[in-house]
């Protein structure tokens, strides 16, 4: 078994080692990971889900070797299923905390299209500054990698560039950290032009301090016969290959920032058009069921997948409250514990949608072993979004049909408004719609108007954007008693409609 702790911990705490062994066993059995149930459960509200079939068709495939053996493998090389070993450290907290964190890493690895072969969980007070795990442990990981035939090691933490290089030199295979893994998933799932630009910017920000040169052979400091001691007039410091790469990356990053900034006016126009209707923003931890809830509330039919970060591009759809008022619902990218700061910065423009909402539905996976930590992770990200703390928040306890009763009782005791639902079975959705209707701001002007039959467009607009209290047909037109916003009330006055405004 790949799990091993430091020698000192084994001697001092043998029962602790047994707990850690059990953690790795459960992680490797896929318990609690994104593929634990063997597939994605969809409802009639989720539509045909053609995007999911397309994404599944592009999955990497197993059975191909790491190195090319025949020219016919060239076109399939990028589809090879990576075989990975997980490495985690347990420096504080309980054994359950370590298990939940490693389960999430396994789910991330599988979502990225890899096969988890083994895992190592190390108990130490702080990471080793040289190799993260220490020289002895690094050698043991190298032995595990060689024995199981892995080609990648994934570390459940952020590695310094020097730590990654040192660990790679020992284990002799590619080493990536948690941030690189999340960035890879984002790169696979981004579809819109803006989403792709945001992901590329985040990747370049991550790559810039991690460029690695390979000695003098990569130098471009001299040309012609200078290397042989000749070439008067062309001696000088020049520019090394790694410096050239850094300059190109910075140039590309500046270009991407300009492109993202150029997209802001169009996004602002679309947002201003939607602001004529109340807006509800759905936020939450990744794989909490946000897209499934959006489909239940609006019938949007957006992609639903039992995987982490299935949704990256924001989706906006319309729905109606039980009393007939229209509102828009925005689905946002999911969050994760210790979300890379590069992604938070790159997706700042997307997260701004939350600050412009009238109501925030914070979707929580009530079946998760530690839902409170997920709530904290989401709020840590939202704390960096100006204005998000002013939006009223409702905790939507999703997956209540499979949640533990004790967990639900604990979550009900929180100070926030909570409601229990199941996007899969539809349980609690009607109550959620009633809650949305109560919490959304109501139009501030009460009008009693007679609308001529020639102005049916105004009647339709009152029904769409206002709250109709009473309606009857009289000789001069349609009499409406309704609540509308100030702008619509002014338009009714300008149209010459007989009105009484309260």
Protein backbone atom coordinates (compact mmCIF):
# COMPACT_ATOMS: atom_id res chain seq x y z
CA UNK A 1 0.00 0.00 0.00
CA UNK A 2 1.30 3.39 -1.00
CA UNK A 3 0.32 5.10 2.25
CA UNK A 4 3.24 5.62 4.58
CA UNK A 5 3.89 8.11 7.34
CA UNK A 6 7.17 9.43 8.65
CA UNK A 7 9.19 6.97 10.72
CA UNK A 8 8.86 9.08 13.85
CA UNK A 9 5.06 9.13 13.59
CA UNK A 10 4.89 5.39 13.00
CA UNK A 11 6.85 4.72 16.14
CA UNK A 12 4.99 7.28 18.23
CA UNK A 13 1.46 6.62 17.02
CA UNK A 14 0.81 3.22 15.44
CA UNK A 15 -3.02 3.60 15.70
CA UNK A 16 -2.71 6.87 13.76
CA UNK A 17 -1.02 4.99 10.94
CA UNK A 18 -3.95 2.55 10.79
CA UNK A 19 -6.38 5.45 10.47
CA UNK A 20 -4.33 6.87 7.63
CA UNK A 21 -4.24 3.46 5.92
CA UNK A 22 -8.04 3.39 6.09
CA UNK A 23 -8.20 6.87 4.55
CA UNK A 24 -6.18 5.76 1.52
CA UNK A 25 -8.24 2.57 1.17
CA UNK A 26 -11.48 4.55 1.01
CA UNK A 27 -10.02 7.09 -1.42
CA UNK A 28 -8.73 4.39 -3.77
CA UNK A 29 -12.12 2.64 -3.65
CA UNK A 30 -13.52 5.90 -5.12
CA UNK A 31 -15.76 6.41 -2.08
CA UNK A 32 -17.05 9.97 -2.19
CA UNK A 33 -15.38 10.93 -5.47
CA UNK A 34 -17.08 12.36 -8.51
CA UNK A 35 -17.43 8.94 -10.15
CA UNK A 36 -18.49 7.04 -7.04
CA UNK A 37 -22.03 6.49 -8.31
CA UNK A 38 -20.83 5.36 -11.72
CA UNK A 39 -22.60 8.05 -13.71
CA UNK A 40 -24.71 11.17 -13.75
CA UNK A 41 -28.38 11.06 -12.77
CA UNK A 42 -30.51 13.42 -14.86
CA UNK A 43 -34.18 14.36 -14.79
CA UNK A 44 -36.68 15.43 -17.43
CA UNK A 45 -35.88 19.05 -16.50
CA UNK A 46 -32.28 18.59 -17.64
CA UNK A 47 -33.10 18.23 -21.35
CA UNK A 48 -31.21 16.01 -23.80
CA UNK A 49 -27.79 16.83 -22.34
CA UNK A 50 -25.99 16.61 -25.69
CA UNK A 51 -23.05 18.54 -24.24
CA UNK A 52 -22.42 15.75 -21.76
CA UNK A 53 -22.33 13.14 -24.52
CA UNK A 54 -19.89 15.29 -26.48
CA UNK A 55 -17.67 15.73 -23.43
CA UNK A 56 -17.73 12.00 -22.66
CA UNK A 57 -16.76 11.23 -26.26
CA UNK A 58 -13.54 13.22 -25.78
CA UNK A 59 -12.46 11.39 -22.63
CA UNK A 60 -8.91 10.10 -22.64
CA UNK A 61 -8.72 6.36 -23.14
CA UNK A 62 -6.82 3.70 -21.26
CA UNK A 63 -4.49 1.08 -22.65
CA UNK A 64 -2.01 3.19 -24.58
CA UNK A 65 1.60 3.30 -23.49
CA UNK A 66 3.36 6.38 -22.19
CA UNK A 67 5.91 6.33 -25.03
CA UNK A 68 5.11 6.03 -28.72
CA UNK A 69 5.70 2.51 -30.04
CA UNK A 70 4.16 2.90 -33.45
CA UNK A 71 3.46 5.85 -35.71
CA UNK A 72 -0.26 4.99 -35.66
CA UNK A 73 -0.39 6.04 -31.99
CA UNK A 74 0.40 9.67 -32.78
CA UNK A 75 -3.19 10.78 -33.21
CA UNK A 76 -4.21 9.07 -29.95
CA UNK A 77 -1.34 10.26 -27.77
CA UNK A 78 -3.30 13.19 -26.36
CA UNK A 79 -6.17 10.87 -25.42
CA UNK A 80 -4.08 8.55 -23.27
CA UNK A 81 -5.45 8.16 -19.75
CA UNK A 82 -2.83 9.44 -17.30
CA UNK A 83 -1.98 7.09 -14.45
CA UNK A 84 -1.44 9.06 -11.26
CA UNK A 85 -0.31 8.68 -7.66
CA UNK A 86 -1.74 11.12 -5.09
CA UNK A 87 0.39 12.74 -2.39
CA UNK A 88 -1.14 14.50 0.59
CA UNK A 89 0.04 15.85 3.93
CA UNK A 90 -1.84 15.69 7.20
CA UNK A 91 -0.40 18.51 9.26
CA UNK A 92 -3.43 19.56 11.31
CA UNK A 93 -7.06 18.70 11.88
CA UNK A 94 -8.64 15.27 12.20
CA UNK A 95 -8.34 12.11 10.13
CA UNK A 96 -11.73 12.97 8.59
CA UNK A 97 -10.38 16.32 7.37
CA UNK A 98 -7.46 14.57 5.69
CA UNK A 99 -9.79 12.02 4.10
CA UNK A 100 -12.20 14.65 2.74
CA UNK A 101 -9.32 16.63 1.26
CA UNK A 102 -7.76 13.58 -0.41
CA UNK A 103 -11.15 12.43 -1.71
CA UNK A 104 -11.55 15.81 -3.36
CA UNK A 105 -8.10 15.52 -4.94
CA UNK A 106 -9.04 12.08 -6.32
CA UNK A 107 -12.27 13.53 -7.74
CA UNK A 108 -10.34 16.40 -9.33
CA UNK A 109 -7.84 13.96 -10.85
CA UNK A 110 -10.59 11.78 -12.30
CA UNK A 111 -12.49 14.78 -13.63
CA UNK A 112 -9.30 15.84 -15.42
CA UNK A 113 -9.26 12.45 -17.14
CA UNK A 114 -6.78 10.36 -15.17
CA UNK A 115 -6.71 7.03 -13.37
CA UNK A 116 -5.80 7.05 -9.68
CA UNK A 117 -3.54 4.08 -8.92
CA UNK A 118 -2.25 4.74 -5.42
CA UNK A 119 -1.87 7.36 -2.72
CA UNK A 120 0.52 8.53 -0.04
CA UNK A 121 -0.61 10.40 3.07
CA UNK A 122 2.20 11.82 5.17
CA UNK A 123 1.90 13.09 8.74
CA UNK A 124 4.30 15.97 9.37
CA UNK A 125 4.01 19.39 11.05
CA UNK A 126 4.98 21.41 7.97
CA UNK A 127 6.12 20.76 4.37
CA UNK A 128 9.78 20.18 3.65
CA UNK A 129 11.18 23.33 1.99
CA UNK A 130 13.27 21.32 -0.49
CA UNK A 131 11.07 18.47 -1.76
CA UNK A 132 7.78 19.11 0.12
CA UNK A 133 7.78 15.53 1.53
CA UNK A 134 11.44 15.13 2.52
CA UNK A 135 14.20 13.23 0.71
CA UNK A 136 13.41 9.82 2.21
CA UNK A 137 9.71 10.07 1.49
CA UNK A 138 10.43 11.30 -2.05
CA UNK A 139 12.46 8.14 -2.71
CA UNK A 140 9.60 5.99 -1.39
CA UNK A 141 7.15 7.81 -3.69
CA UNK A 142 9.52 7.13 -6.59
CA UNK A 143 9.48 3.42 -5.73
CA UNK A 144 5.67 3.41 -5.62
CA UNK A 145 5.50 5.21 -8.98
CA UNK A 146 7.82 2.65 -10.54
CA UNK A 147 5.95 -0.33 -9.06
CA UNK A 148 2.46 0.72 -10.22
CA UNK A 149 3.59 2.17 -13.56
CA UNK A 150 2.38 5.72 -12.92
CA UNK A 151 3.42 8.63 -15.11
CA UNK A 152 2.26 11.55 -12.95
CA UNK A 153 2.36 12.51 -9.28
CA UNK A 154 -0.32 14.94 -8.03
CA UNK A 155 0.39 16.80 -4.79
CA UNK A 156 -2.56 18.03 -2.72
CA UNK A 157 -1.03 21.46 -2.13
CA UNK A 158 0.62 24.36 -3.92
CA UNK A 159 4.28 23.63 -4.66
CA UNK A 160 7.02 26.20 -4.99
CA UNK A 161 8.82 25.93 -8.35
CA UNK A 162 11.96 24.65 -6.60
CA UNK A 163 9.97 21.99 -4.70
CA UNK A 164 8.36 20.70 -7.87
CA UNK A 165 11.68 20.50 -9.71
CA UNK A 166 13.39 18.76 -6.80
CA UNK A 167 10.57 16.23 -6.42
CA UNK A 168 10.54 15.54 -10.17
CA UNK A 169 14.28 14.87 -10.10
CA UNK A 170 13.72 12.16 -7.47
CA UNK A 171 10.52 10.44 -8.65
CA UNK A 172 11.52 10.67 -12.36
CA UNK A 173 8.00 11.46 -13.60
CA UNK A 174 5.93 14.60 -14.04
CA UNK A 175 4.83 16.29 -10.80
CA UNK A 176 1.91 18.73 -10.69
CA UNK A 177 0.29 20.48 -7.78
CA UNK A 178 -3.34 21.12 -6.94
CA UNK A 179 -3.45 24.48 -8.72
CA UNK A 180 -2.14 23.04 -12.00
CA UNK A 181 -4.74 20.26 -11.79
CA UNK A 182 -7.62 22.71 -11.34
CA UNK A 183 -6.32 24.88 -14.19
CA UNK A 184 -6.24 21.83 -16.45
CA UNK A 185 -9.89 21.05 -15.69
CA UNK A 186 -10.86 24.64 -16.42
CA UNK A 187 -8.98 24.50 -19.73
CA UNK A 188 -10.88 21.35 -20.74
CA UNK A 189 -14.32 22.69 -19.83
CA UNK A 190 -14.23 26.33 -20.97
CA UNK A 191 -16.32 26.86 -24.10
CA UNK A 192 -17.06 30.57 -24.50
CA UNK A 193 -14.50 33.01 -25.90
CA UNK A 194 -14.36 34.91 -22.64
CA UNK A 195 -14.04 31.74 -20.57
CA UNK A 196 -11.16 30.47 -22.69
CA UNK A 197 -9.37 33.81 -22.43
CA UNK A 198 -9.80 33.86 -18.63
CA UNK A 199 -8.46 30.33 -18.26
CA UNK A 200 -5.46 31.01 -20.52
CA UNK A 201 -4.61 34.13 -18.53
CA UNK A 202 -4.73 32.15 -15.29
CA UNK A 203 -2.54 29.41 -16.77
CA UNK A 204 0.09 31.90 -17.96
CA UNK A 205 0.17 33.62 -14.56
CA UNK A 206 0.80 30.21 -13.01
CA UNK A 207 3.43 29.25 -15.59
CA UNK A 208 5.49 32.44 -15.58
CA UNK A 209 7.48 31.84 -12.34
CA UNK A 210 7.79 28.12 -13.14
CA UNK A 211 9.65 28.24 -16.44
CA UNK A 212 12.64 25.94 -16.40
CA UNK A 213 15.74 26.36 -18.55
CA UNK A 214 18.07 23.52 -19.50
CA UNK A 215 21.58 24.98 -19.24
CA UNK A 216 23.74 26.68 -21.80
CA UNK A 217 22.15 24.79 -24.70
CA UNK A 218 19.07 26.98 -24.28
CA UNK A 219 21.07 30.24 -24.49
CA UNK A 220 20.56 32.67 -27.35
CA UNK A 221 23.09 35.21 -26.14
CA UNK A 222 25.42 35.12 -29.14
CA UNK A 223 25.30 34.33 -32.82
CA UNK A 224 27.57 33.78 -35.83
CA UNK A 225 31.19 32.94 -34.90
CA UNK A 226 31.02 34.57 -31.46
CA UNK A 227 30.93 31.20 -29.75
CA UNK A 228 34.28 30.42 -31.36
CA UNK A 229 35.86 33.62 -30.08
CA UNK A 230 35.25 35.73 -33.22
CA UNK A 231 32.57 38.15 -34.33
CA UNK A 232 33.66 41.67 -33.44
CA UNK A 233 30.71 43.96 -32.80
CA UNK A 234 28.21 41.27 -31.86
CA UNK A 235 29.33 40.45 -28.32
CA UNK A 236 26.92 41.29 -25.50
CA UNK A 237 24.58 39.89 -22.87
CA UNK A 238 21.79 39.25 -25.38
CA UNK A 239 18.69 37.36 -24.30
CA UNK A 240 18.56 33.80 -23.05
CA UNK A 241 15.89 31.37 -24.15
CA UNK A 242 14.13 31.50 -20.79
CA UNK A 243 14.12 35.31 -20.86
CA UNK A 244 12.63 35.18 -24.34
CA UNK A 245 9.90 32.81 -23.13
CA UNK A 246 9.10 35.07 -20.19
CA UNK A 247 8.82 38.08 -22.48
CA UNK A 248 6.48 36.22 -24.81
CA UNK A 249 4.30 35.11 -21.89
CA UNK A 250 4.06 38.65 -20.54
CA UNK A 251 3.15 39.93 -24.00
CA UNK A 252 0.42 37.30 -24.34
CA UNK A 253 -0.90 38.07 -20.84
CA UNK A 254 -1.17 41.76 -21.69
CA UNK A 255 -3.05 40.86 -24.87
CA UNK A 256 -5.47 38.61 -22.98
CA UNK A 257 -6.15 41.32 -20.39
CA UNK A 258 -6.98 43.74 -23.20
CA UNK A 259 -9.32 41.18 -24.79
CA UNK A 260 -11.13 40.49 -21.51
CA UNK A 261 -11.44 44.21 -20.83
CA UNK A 262 -12.85 44.75 -24.34
CA UNK A 263 -15.59 42.20 -23.55
CA UNK A 264 -16.76 44.15 -20.49
CA UNK A 265 -18.98 46.70 -22.36
CA UNK A 266 -20.97 43.96 -24.10
CA UNK A 267 -21.38 42.10 -20.80
CA UNK A 268 -22.49 45.32 -19.10
CA UNK A 269 -25.10 45.94 -21.83
CA UNK A 270 -26.49 42.44 -21.39
CA UNK A 271 -26.55 42.90 -17.63
CA UNK A 272 -28.33 46.27 -17.91
CA UNK A 273 -31.01 44.67 -20.07
CA UNK A 274 -31.53 41.98 -17.46
CA UNK A 275 -31.69 44.53 -14.63
CA UNK A 276 -35.21 45.40 -15.74
CA UNK A 277 -36.07 42.10 -14.02
CA UNK A 278 -35.10 40.96 -10.52
CA UNK A 279 -32.07 38.66 -10.60
CA UNK A 280 -31.24 35.55 -8.57
CA UNK A 281 -27.61 34.33 -8.54
CA UNK A 282 -26.83 30.68 -7.83
CA UNK A 283 -23.47 30.18 -6.13
CA UNK A 284 -21.89 27.29 -4.29
CA UNK A 285 -19.17 24.69 -4.06
CA UNK A 286 -18.37 22.69 -7.17
CA UNK A 287 -20.61 19.65 -7.74
CA UNK A 288 -23.15 20.88 -5.16
CA UNK A 289 -25.96 20.69 -7.75
CA UNK A 290 -26.18 24.30 -8.95
CA UNK A 291 -26.87 23.45 -12.61
CA UNK A 292 -29.45 20.81 -11.64
CA UNK A 293 -31.21 23.40 -9.49
CA UNK A 294 -31.11 25.92 -12.37
CA UNK A 295 -32.76 23.35 -14.64
CA UNK A 296 -35.45 22.66 -12.03
CA UNK A 297 -36.22 26.35 -11.53
CA UNK A 298 -36.06 27.48 -15.16
CA UNK A 299 -36.05 24.37 -17.38
CA UNK A 300 -32.80 25.65 -18.91
CA UNK A 301 -31.45 22.22 -19.85
CA UNK A 302 -27.83 23.22 -19.14
CA UNK A 303 -25.10 20.62 -18.73
CA UNK A 304 -25.42 18.47 -15.62
CA UNK A 305 -22.54 16.16 -14.77
CA UNK A 306 -21.44 14.34 -11.63
CA UNK A 307 -17.98 15.90 -11.87
CA UNK A 308 -16.11 18.84 -10.45
CA UNK A 309 -16.23 22.12 -12.38
CA UNK A 310 -18.69 20.81 -14.97
CA UNK A 311 -19.98 24.38 -15.44
CA UNK A 312 -17.58 27.23 -16.23
CA UNK A 313 -19.47 29.58 -18.53
CA UNK A 314 -22.23 31.53 -16.74
CA UNK A 315 -25.79 30.85 -17.84
CA UNK A 316 -28.76 33.21 -17.43
CA UNK A 317 -32.38 32.03 -17.82
CA UNK A 318 -35.83 33.38 -16.96
CA UNK A 319 -38.43 32.02 -14.59
CA UNK A 320 -41.58 33.14 -12.78
CA UNK A 321 -42.52 33.38 -9.15
CA UNK A 322 -45.73 31.62 -8.06
CA UNK A 323 -47.52 35.01 -8.17
CA UNK A 324 -46.50 35.51 -11.82
CA UNK A 325 -43.53 37.91 -11.59
CA UNK A 326 -40.66 37.27 -13.98
CA UNK A 327 -37.09 37.08 -12.74
CA UNK A 328 -33.73 35.94 -14.12
CA UNK A 329 -31.51 33.21 -12.67
CA UNK A 330 -27.72 33.24 -13.15
CA UNK A 331 -25.64 30.09 -12.76
CA UNK A 332 -22.00 30.77 -11.83
CA UNK A 333 -18.75 28.81 -11.79
CA UNK A 334 -18.36 26.53 -8.78
CA UNK A 335 -15.86 27.21 -6.03
CA UNK A 336 -13.44 24.89 -4.30
CA UNK A 337 -11.33 24.91 -1.17
CA UNK A 338 -8.16 26.99 -1.69
CA UNK A 339 -9.25 28.09 -5.16
CA UNK A 340 -6.13 29.28 -7.03
CA UNK A 341 -5.79 33.04 -6.76
CA UNK A 342 -4.99 33.17 -10.48
CA UNK A 343 -8.49 31.89 -11.24
CA UNK A 344 -10.18 34.26 -8.81
CA UNK A 345 -8.44 37.19 -10.50
CA UNK A 346 -9.09 35.93 -14.05
CA UNK A 347 -12.79 35.26 -13.36
CA UNK A 348 -13.36 38.51 -11.47
CA UNK A 349 -15.53 39.86 -14.29
CA UNK A 350 -17.71 36.75 -14.19
CA UNK A 351 -18.04 36.82 -10.40
CA UNK A 352 -19.24 40.43 -10.59
CA UNK A 353 -22.63 39.02 -11.66
CA UNK A 354 -23.17 37.99 -8.04
CA UNK A 355 -22.79 41.57 -6.78
CA UNK A 356 -25.54 42.77 -9.14
CA UNK A 357 -28.05 40.14 -7.98
CA UNK A 358 -31.11 40.85 -5.82
CA UNK A 359 -30.92 37.44 -4.11
CA UNK A 360 -28.15 34.87 -3.71
CA UNK A 361 -29.00 31.16 -3.56
CA UNK A 362 -25.99 29.52 -1.89
CA UNK A 363 -26.33 25.86 -2.85
CA UNK A 364 -24.83 23.46 -0.29
CA UNK A 365 -24.31 19.72 -0.78
CA UNK A 366 -26.00 18.52 2.41
CA UNK A 367 -24.82 14.95 1.75
CA UNK A 368 -21.14 15.97 1.94
CA UNK A 369 -19.20 14.81 5.01
CA UNK A 370 -18.20 18.39 5.87
CA UNK A 371 -20.64 20.90 4.31
CA UNK A 372 -19.62 23.69 6.70
CA UNK A 373 -16.10 23.78 5.24
CA UNK A 374 -17.59 24.14 1.76
CA UNK A 375 -19.70 27.09 2.94
CA UNK A 376 -16.57 28.74 4.35
CA UNK A 377 -14.65 28.15 1.11
CA UNK A 378 -17.38 29.83 -0.96
CA UNK A 379 -17.54 32.82 1.35
CA UNK A 380 -13.76 33.26 1.25
CA UNK A 381 -13.96 33.68 -2.53
CA UNK A 382 -17.03 35.94 -2.40
CA UNK A 383 -15.24 38.14 0.15
CA UNK A 384 -13.00 39.30 -2.73
CA UNK A 385 -16.01 40.31 -4.87
CA UNK A 386 -16.95 43.95 -4.10
CA UNK A 387 -20.63 44.28 -3.20
CA UNK A 388 -21.32 40.54 -2.84
CA UNK A 389 -21.65 40.85 0.94
CA UNK A 390 -24.60 43.23 0.48
CA UNK A 391 -26.72 40.64 -1.38
CA UNK A 392 -29.21 38.70 0.73
CA UNK A 393 -28.17 35.05 1.04
CA UNK A 394 -30.32 31.92 1.29
CA UNK A 395 -28.67 28.56 2.05
CA UNK A 396 -30.25 25.94 -0.22
CA UNK A 397 -29.52 22.53 1.32
CA UNK A 398 -29.47 20.38 -1.81
CA UNK A 399 -29.42 16.56 -1.96
CA UNK A 400 -31.61 16.48 1.15
CA UNK A 401 -33.02 13.12 0.00
CA UNK A 402 -29.67 11.40 0.70
CA UNK A 403 -28.30 13.68 3.44
CA UNK A 404 -27.70 12.55 6.98
CA UNK A 405 -30.46 13.66 9.36
CA UNK A 406 -27.95 14.92 11.92
CA UNK A 407 -26.18 17.02 9.28
CA UNK A 408 -29.47 18.57 8.17
CA UNK A 409 -30.37 19.38 11.79
CA UNK A 410 -26.99 21.05 12.28
CA UNK A 411 -27.35 23.12 9.10
CA UNK A 412 -30.89 24.19 10.04
CA UNK A 413 -29.47 25.78 13.17
CA UNK A 414 -27.40 28.32 11.22
CA UNK A 415 -28.37 31.98 11.41
CA UNK A 416 -28.99 32.24 7.64
CA UNK A 417 -32.33 31.50 6.02
CA UNK A 418 -32.20 27.82 5.01
CA UNK A 419 -34.38 25.57 2.88
CA UNK A 420 -34.05 21.86 2.09
CA UNK A 421 -34.47 20.68 -1.50
CA UNK A 422 -33.51 17.88 -3.86
CA UNK A 423 -32.89 18.98 -7.43
CA UNK A 424 -32.97 15.31 -8.47
CA UNK A 425 -36.35 14.34 -7.01
CA UNK A 426 -37.97 17.80 -6.99
CA UNK A 427 -38.50 17.72 -3.24
CA UNK A 428 -38.80 21.25 -1.81
CA UNK A 429 -38.65 23.04 -5.18
CA UNK A 430 -42.16 24.50 -4.78
CA UNK A 431 -41.23 25.83 -1.34
CA UNK A 432 -38.05 27.31 -2.83
CA UNK A 433 -40.05 29.15 -5.49
CA UNK A 434 -42.35 30.54 -2.79
CA UNK A 435 -39.28 31.69 -0.85
CA UNK A 436 -37.82 33.39 -3.93
CA UNK A 437 -41.12 35.19 -4.46
CA UNK A 438 -41.08 36.47 -0.87
CA UNK A 439 -37.43 37.53 -0.83
CA UNK A 440 -37.19 39.26 -4.22
CA UNK A 441 -37.80 43.01 -4.08
CA UNK A 442 -41.33 43.99 -5.01
CA UNK A 443 -42.14 46.90 -7.36
CA UNK A 444 -42.31 50.10 -5.32
CA UNK A 445 -45.19 52.00 -7.03
CA UNK A 446 -48.83 50.92 -6.76
CA UNK A 447 -50.97 51.99 -9.72
CA UNK A 448 -54.65 51.73 -10.63
CA UNK A 449 -54.82 52.23 -14.39
CA UNK A 450 -57.16 51.86 -17.35
CA UNK A 451 -55.11 50.83 -20.36
CA UNK A 452 -56.71 51.36 -23.80
CA UNK A 453 -57.20 48.21 -25.82
CA UNK A 454 -54.79 49.65 -28.41
CA UNK A 455 -51.94 49.50 -25.86
CA UNK A 456 -51.86 45.79 -25.17
CA UNK A 457 -48.06 46.01 -25.10
CA UNK A 458 -48.27 47.95 -21.83
CA UNK A 459 -50.60 45.36 -20.31
CA UNK A 460 -48.13 42.65 -21.30
CA UNK A 461 -45.23 44.59 -19.78
CA UNK A 462 -47.09 45.11 -16.52
CA UNK A 463 -47.67 41.34 -16.35
CA UNK A 464 -44.01 40.59 -17.12
CA UNK A 465 -42.27 43.18 -14.95
CA UNK A 466 -44.87 44.06 -12.32
CA UNK A 467 -47.17 42.37 -9.87
CA UNK A 468 -50.83 42.39 -10.96
CA UNK A 469 -53.21 42.63 -8.01
CA UNK A 470 -56.50 42.82 -9.98
CA UNK A 471 -57.57 42.99 -13.61
CA UNK A 472 -60.91 43.57 -15.35
CA UNK A 473 -62.10 44.62 -18.80
CA UNK A 474 -64.15 47.83 -18.99
CA UNK A 475 -65.53 49.88 -21.87
CA UNK A 476 -62.42 52.09 -22.22
CA UNK A 477 -59.84 49.32 -21.90
CA UNK A 478 -58.22 46.98 -19.39
CA UNK A 479 -58.27 48.14 -15.79
CA UNK A 480 -55.22 47.03 -13.83
CA UNK A 481 -54.40 47.34 -10.17
CA UNK A 482 -50.74 46.51 -9.93
CA UNK A 483 -47.33 47.23 -8.45
CA UNK A 484 -44.73 48.41 -10.95
CA UNK A 485 -41.37 50.13 -10.83
CA UNK A 486 -41.05 53.88 -11.14
CA UNK A 487 -39.87 53.74 -14.76
CA UNK A 488 -42.89 51.74 -15.94
CA UNK A 489 -45.26 53.96 -13.93
CA UNK A 490 -43.79 57.00 -15.71
CA UNK A 491 -44.27 55.33 -19.10
CA UNK A 492 -47.92 54.68 -18.27
CA UNK A 493 -48.33 58.38 -17.49
CA UNK A 494 -46.58 59.45 -20.68
CA UNK A 495 -48.77 57.16 -22.76
CA UNK A 496 -51.80 59.17 -21.63
CA UNK A 497 -53.35 56.31 -19.72
CA UNK A 498 -55.91 57.26 -17.07
CA UNK A 499 -54.25 56.40 -13.80
CA UNK A 500 -54.33 56.78 -10.08
CA UNK A 501 -50.94 56.34 -8.43
CA UNK A 502 -50.37 55.58 -4.78
